[in-house]
């Protein structure tokens, strides 16, 4: 019998729990056979350099390129061609890299009322209408700068969301052009 296209086949059986895929017309007649995990493990010949007799593969080798022998949850990713990272490991790595880049970005913000500040913010504070409170939000590896730009006697009151600032519950800036840069280790803030 001549070879047939998949759309010309009769009597294909439904896949079962351990079916991998179907092979048709191996004997030249309309016959459907399937490869299951059980007969794949007992088949002769190596897969990825390993003979699949035990049902346990230690590596997967593609037709070209490196042999993959590990799936890793390491969020540093490393520099290894035979390890595949999980989706969560890649996401964590990318998020950390974005956080590191963000710490070098400067984001000037003019404010005249209570506000919060995150890594990269440079708060240009106008206290003409009264005291202004700024809450520092902890983010690793970054700096926040606060500058009082108005000449009045009102204060900029800087308070961390967690921990303290150089051992104090808050920091006060009360002169025009007075400024501080705050660095956090995610536990406390420090003036640098």
Protein backbone atom coordinates (compact mmCIF):
# COMPACT_ATOMS: atom_id res chain seq x y z
CA UNK A 1 0.00 0.00 0.00
CA UNK A 2 1.23 3.47 -0.82
CA UNK A 3 2.21 5.95 1.86
CA UNK A 4 -0.69 8.03 3.12
CA UNK A 5 -0.90 11.51 4.54
CA UNK A 6 -2.03 11.89 8.13
CA UNK A 7 -5.38 13.26 6.89
CA UNK A 8 -5.98 10.03 4.90
CA UNK A 9 -5.62 7.66 7.83
CA UNK A 10 -8.49 5.59 9.21
CA UNK A 11 -8.87 4.27 12.67
CA UNK A 12 -6.38 6.37 14.54
CA UNK A 13 -6.58 5.45 18.19
CA UNK A 14 -7.00 8.08 20.86
CA UNK A 15 -3.89 8.87 22.87
CA UNK A 16 -3.65 7.30 26.29
CA UNK A 17 -1.96 8.60 29.43
CA UNK A 18 1.56 7.41 28.51
CA UNK A 19 1.37 7.84 24.71
CA UNK A 20 4.07 9.96 23.14
CA UNK A 21 3.02 9.92 19.46
CA UNK A 22 1.66 7.65 16.71
CA UNK A 23 3.52 6.03 13.83
CA UNK A 24 1.53 4.95 10.79
CA UNK A 25 2.21 2.58 7.85
CA UNK A 26 5.35 0.94 9.20
CA UNK A 27 4.37 -2.34 7.53
CA UNK A 28 2.87 -0.87 4.35
CA UNK A 29 -0.73 -1.44 5.43
CA UNK A 30 -3.19 0.83 7.16
CA UNK A 31 -1.86 0.16 10.63
CA UNK A 32 -1.46 2.64 13.45
CA UNK A 33 1.15 2.00 16.09
CA UNK A 34 2.04 4.18 18.99
CA UNK A 35 5.13 4.83 20.99
CA UNK A 36 4.51 4.83 24.70
CA UNK A 37 6.82 5.69 27.53
CA UNK A 38 7.05 1.98 28.35
CA UNK A 39 8.21 0.82 24.91
CA UNK A 40 10.41 3.90 24.45
CA UNK A 41 12.32 2.99 27.61
CA UNK A 42 12.84 -0.53 26.32
CA UNK A 43 13.88 0.51 22.81
CA UNK A 44 17.45 -0.01 21.67
CA UNK A 45 19.85 2.83 21.05
CA UNK A 46 20.98 5.86 23.02
CA UNK A 47 19.05 9.09 23.52
CA UNK A 48 21.31 12.01 24.35
CA UNK A 49 24.22 9.61 24.83
CA UNK A 50 22.26 7.49 27.33
CA UNK A 51 20.62 4.13 26.80
CA UNK A 52 17.01 4.51 27.99
CA UNK A 53 16.65 1.17 29.70
CA UNK A 54 15.94 2.33 33.23
CA UNK A 55 13.38 5.01 32.48
CA UNK A 56 15.63 7.72 33.89
CA UNK A 57 17.35 10.13 31.53
CA UNK A 58 20.36 12.00 32.85
CA UNK A 59 20.78 14.29 29.86
CA UNK A 60 19.09 15.48 26.70
CA UNK A 61 21.31 15.95 23.70
CA UNK A 62 19.99 17.81 20.69
CA UNK A 63 21.17 17.11 17.16
CA UNK A 64 23.48 20.12 17.43
CA UNK A 65 24.72 22.24 20.28
CA UNK A 66 25.30 21.57 23.95
CA UNK A 67 23.97 18.70 26.02
CA UNK A 68 21.44 19.76 28.64
CA UNK A 69 21.74 17.81 31.87
CA UNK A 70 20.19 20.02 34.54
CA UNK A 71 17.24 22.33 35.16
CA UNK A 72 18.17 25.00 37.67
CA UNK A 73 16.27 27.33 40.00
CA UNK A 74 19.44 29.37 40.64
CA UNK A 75 18.49 33.04 40.22
CA UNK A 76 22.07 34.08 39.34
CA UNK A 77 21.72 32.08 36.07
CA UNK A 78 25.46 31.58 35.82
CA UNK A 79 27.30 30.98 32.57
CA UNK A 80 26.70 27.35 31.70
CA UNK A 81 25.43 25.93 28.40
CA UNK A 82 24.28 22.61 29.86
CA UNK A 83 21.84 24.02 32.42
CA UNK A 84 18.34 25.33 31.67
CA UNK A 85 16.96 27.89 34.16
CA UNK A 86 13.33 27.75 35.27
CA UNK A 87 10.95 30.52 34.29
CA UNK A 88 10.92 31.82 37.87
CA UNK A 89 14.75 31.90 37.98
CA UNK A 90 14.84 33.96 34.78
CA UNK A 91 12.15 36.35 36.05
CA UNK A 92 13.95 36.87 39.36
CA UNK A 93 17.24 37.48 37.56
CA UNK A 94 15.67 40.05 35.20
CA UNK A 95 13.83 41.80 38.07
CA UNK A 96 17.12 42.12 39.99
CA UNK A 97 18.90 43.51 36.95
CA UNK A 98 16.14 46.08 36.43
CA UNK A 99 16.39 47.08 40.10
CA UNK A 100 20.16 47.52 39.74
CA UNK A 101 19.73 49.71 36.66
CA UNK A 102 16.97 51.73 38.33
CA UNK A 103 19.34 52.61 41.18
CA UNK A 104 21.48 54.57 38.71
CA UNK A 105 18.56 56.50 37.21
CA UNK A 106 17.76 59.96 38.55
CA UNK A 107 14.11 60.97 38.71
CA UNK A 108 13.69 64.64 39.78
CA UNK A 109 10.27 65.33 41.35
CA UNK A 110 8.97 68.76 42.43
CA UNK A 111 6.67 68.48 45.46
CA UNK A 112 5.00 70.83 47.91
CA UNK A 113 2.92 68.33 49.92
CA UNK A 114 3.48 65.06 51.75
CA UNK A 115 4.85 62.32 49.52
CA UNK A 116 6.78 59.06 49.30
CA UNK A 117 10.17 58.49 47.65
CA UNK A 118 11.71 55.41 46.06
CA UNK A 119 15.15 54.57 44.70
CA UNK A 120 16.26 57.03 42.03
CA UNK A 121 13.99 59.86 43.22
CA UNK A 122 15.43 63.31 43.74
CA UNK A 123 12.80 65.15 45.75
CA UNK A 124 12.87 68.92 45.12
CA UNK A 125 10.77 70.11 48.05
CA UNK A 126 8.98 73.48 48.26
CA UNK A 127 7.88 74.12 51.85
CA UNK A 128 6.38 77.59 51.20
CA UNK A 129 2.91 76.43 52.34
CA UNK A 130 4.10 74.50 55.42
CA UNK A 131 6.08 71.48 56.55
CA UNK A 132 6.33 68.59 54.08
CA UNK A 133 6.75 64.97 55.13
CA UNK A 134 8.51 62.45 52.89
CA UNK A 135 8.35 58.73 53.57
CA UNK A 136 11.35 56.77 52.26
CA UNK A 137 10.37 53.43 50.71
CA UNK A 138 13.00 50.70 51.16
CA UNK A 139 14.45 49.23 47.98
CA UNK A 140 17.81 47.47 47.87
CA UNK A 141 20.85 48.98 46.22
CA UNK A 142 19.67 52.50 45.62
CA UNK A 143 19.72 56.12 46.65
CA UNK A 144 17.07 58.72 47.32
CA UNK A 145 17.94 62.43 47.48
CA UNK A 146 15.89 65.14 49.19
CA UNK A 147 16.55 68.88 48.69
CA UNK A 148 14.67 71.80 50.30
CA UNK A 149 14.43 74.47 47.56
CA UNK A 150 12.37 77.17 49.29
CA UNK A 151 13.83 79.93 51.59
CA UNK A 152 11.12 79.77 54.33
CA UNK A 153 11.45 78.44 57.89
CA UNK A 154 9.26 75.36 57.30
CA UNK A 155 10.74 71.89 57.47
CA UNK A 156 11.13 68.81 55.32
CA UNK A 157 10.54 65.84 57.61
CA UNK A 158 12.09 62.64 56.23
CA UNK A 159 10.86 59.37 57.78
CA UNK A 160 11.72 55.84 56.66
CA UNK A 161 8.93 53.31 56.18
CA UNK A 162 11.12 50.74 57.97
CA UNK A 163 14.04 51.09 60.36
CA UNK A 164 15.66 54.47 60.96
CA UNK A 165 17.89 57.12 59.42
CA UNK A 166 21.40 57.02 60.91
CA UNK A 167 19.89 55.64 64.11
CA UNK A 168 17.14 58.30 64.34
CA UNK A 169 13.39 57.93 63.75
CA UNK A 170 13.44 60.82 61.25
CA UNK A 171 15.63 63.43 59.61
CA UNK A 172 14.85 67.15 59.35
CA UNK A 173 15.94 69.54 56.60
CA UNK A 174 15.16 73.12 57.61
CA UNK A 175 17.37 75.40 55.48
CA UNK A 176 17.13 76.33 51.82
CA UNK A 177 19.38 74.13 49.65
CA UNK A 178 19.81 71.72 52.55
CA UNK A 179 19.99 68.25 51.06
CA UNK A 180 20.72 64.66 51.96
CA UNK A 181 21.11 61.46 50.00
CA UNK A 182 19.78 58.33 51.68
CA UNK A 183 20.99 54.80 51.03
CA UNK A 184 19.15 51.71 52.26
CA UNK A 185 20.17 48.14 53.02
CA UNK A 186 16.41 47.31 53.24
CA UNK A 187 16.64 47.38 57.06
CA UNK A 188 17.63 51.01 57.68
CA UNK A 189 18.57 54.18 55.82
CA UNK A 190 21.92 55.93 55.96
CA UNK A 191 22.91 59.46 54.96
CA UNK A 192 25.77 59.38 52.44
